[in-house]
Amino acid sequence: MKNVFKLALCLVTMSSMLFSTLSNAGLPVIRGIGGEFTLNSTLGHPVSLSDYQGKTVI
């Protein structure tokens, strides 16, 4: 009985992951240059967009 429960849980998890992947596939990806700006972090330190050059920023 435990094996049936584990298999069912595994199938539900895998199907939800697949659905999540497929549902996000239609989202547009905007690849462009953002304007330069500087904001303070939660610790009060200035952080610029250029600090993350070459990295994905959401």
C-alpha atoms as a PDB file:
ATOM      1  CA  MET A   1       0.000   0.000   0.000  1.00  0.00           C
ATOM      2  CA  LYS A   2       2.879   2.403   0.769  1.00  0.00           C
ATOM      3  CA  ASN A   3       4.380   1.741  -2.668  1.00  0.00           C
ATOM      4  CA  VAL A   4       1.096   2.664  -4.366  1.00  0.00           C
ATOM      5  CA  PHE A   5       0.983   5.910  -2.400  1.00  0.00           C
ATOM      6  CA  LYS A   6       4.594   6.737  -3.295  1.00  0.00           C
ATOM      7  CA  LEU A   7       3.938   6.007  -6.978  1.00  0.00           C
ATOM      8  CA  ALA A   8       0.809   8.187  -6.979  1.00  0.00           C
ATOM      9  CA  LEU A   9       2.667  11.017  -5.262  1.00  0.00           C
ATOM     10  CA  CYS A  10       5.511  10.739  -7.761  1.00  0.00           C
ATOM     11  CA  LEU A  11       3.104  10.836 -10.719  1.00  0.00           C
ATOM     12  CA  VAL A  12       1.272  13.872  -9.354  1.00  0.00           C
ATOM     13  CA  THR A  13       4.551  15.700  -8.746  1.00  0.00           C
ATOM     14  CA  MET A  14       5.908  14.914 -12.200  1.00  0.00           C
ATOM     15  CA  SER A  15       2.687  15.903 -13.951  1.00  0.00           C
ATOM     16  CA  SER A  16       2.510  19.214 -12.068  1.00  0.00           C
ATOM     17  CA  MET A  17       6.123  19.962 -13.024  1.00  0.00           C
ATOM     18  CA  LEU A  18       5.351  19.197 -16.672  1.00  0.00           C
ATOM     19  CA  PHE A  19       2.231  21.379 -16.617  1.00  0.00           C
ATOM     20  CA  SER A  20       4.170  24.226 -15.029  1.00  0.00           C
ATOM     21  CA  THR A  21       6.874  23.992 -17.687  1.00  0.00           C
ATOM     22  CA  LEU A  22       4.375  23.901 -20.545  1.00  0.00           C
ATOM     23  CA  SER A  23       2.241  26.737 -19.200  1.00  0.00           C
ATOM     24  CA  ASN A  24       5.287  29.024 -18.853  1.00  0.00           C
ATOM     25  CA  ALA A  25       6.514  28.193 -22.354  1.00  0.00           C
ATOM     26  CA  GLY A  26       4.199  30.796 -23.889  1.00  0.00           C
ATOM     27  CA  LEU A  27       5.512  33.746 -21.888  1.00  0.00           C
ATOM     28  CA  PRO A  28       7.373  36.368 -23.882  1.00  0.00           C
ATOM     29  CA  VAL A  29      11.079  36.777 -23.269  1.00  0.00           C
ATOM     30  CA  ILE A  30      12.269  40.331 -23.612  1.00  0.00           C
ATOM     31  CA  ARG A  31      15.928  40.545 -24.385  1.00  0.00           C
ATOM     32  CA  GLY A  32      17.144  44.078 -24.449  1.00  0.00           C
ATOM     33  CA  ILE A  33      19.274  46.591 -22.702  1.00  0.00           C
ATOM     34  CA  GLY A  34      17.768  48.087 -19.580  1.00  0.00           C
ATOM     35  CA  GLY A  35      18.481  51.662 -18.630  1.00  0.00           C
ATOM     36  CA  GLU A  36      21.196  52.319 -16.081  1.00  0.00           C
ATOM     37  CA  PHE A  37      19.946  52.987 -12.575  1.00  0.00           C
ATOM     38  CA  THR A  38      21.115  52.627  -8.981  1.00  0.00           C
ATOM     39  CA  LEU A  39      18.995  51.725  -5.968  1.00  0.00           C
ATOM     40  CA  ASN A  40      19.828  50.955  -2.370  1.00  0.00           C
ATOM     41  CA  SER A  41      19.737  47.321  -1.279  1.00  0.00           C
ATOM     42  CA  THR A  42      17.897  46.201   1.824  1.00  0.00           C
ATOM     43  CA  LEU A  43      21.188  46.687   3.645  1.00  0.00           C
ATOM     44  CA  GLY A  44      21.490  50.289   2.412  1.00  0.00           C
ATOM     45  CA  HIS A  45      24.294  49.659  -0.103  1.00  0.00           C
ATOM     46  CA  PRO A  46      23.951  51.113  -3.612  1.00  0.00           C
ATOM     47  CA  VAL A  47      23.325  48.477  -6.294  1.00  0.00           C
ATOM     48  CA  SER A  48      23.470  49.245 -10.024  1.00  0.00           C
ATOM     49  CA  LEU A  49      22.056  47.309 -12.933  1.00  0.00           C
ATOM     50  CA  SER A  50      25.564  47.186 -14.376  1.00  0.00           C
ATOM     51  CA  ASP A  51      26.614  45.121 -11.345  1.00  0.00           C
ATOM     52  CA  TYR A  52      24.645  42.286 -12.932  1.00  0.00           C
ATOM     53  CA  GLN A  53      25.960  42.630 -16.491  1.00  0.00           C
ATOM     54  CA  GLY A  54      25.942  39.240 -18.225  1.00  0.00           C
ATOM     55  CA  LYS A  55      23.520  37.744 -15.689  1.00  0.00           C
ATOM     56  CA  THR A  56      19.782  37.173 -15.962  1.00  0.00           C
ATOM     57  CA  VAL A  57      17.814  39.819 -14.071  1.00  0.00           C
ATOM     58  CA  ILE A  58      14.098  39.420 -13.437  1.00  0.00           C
END
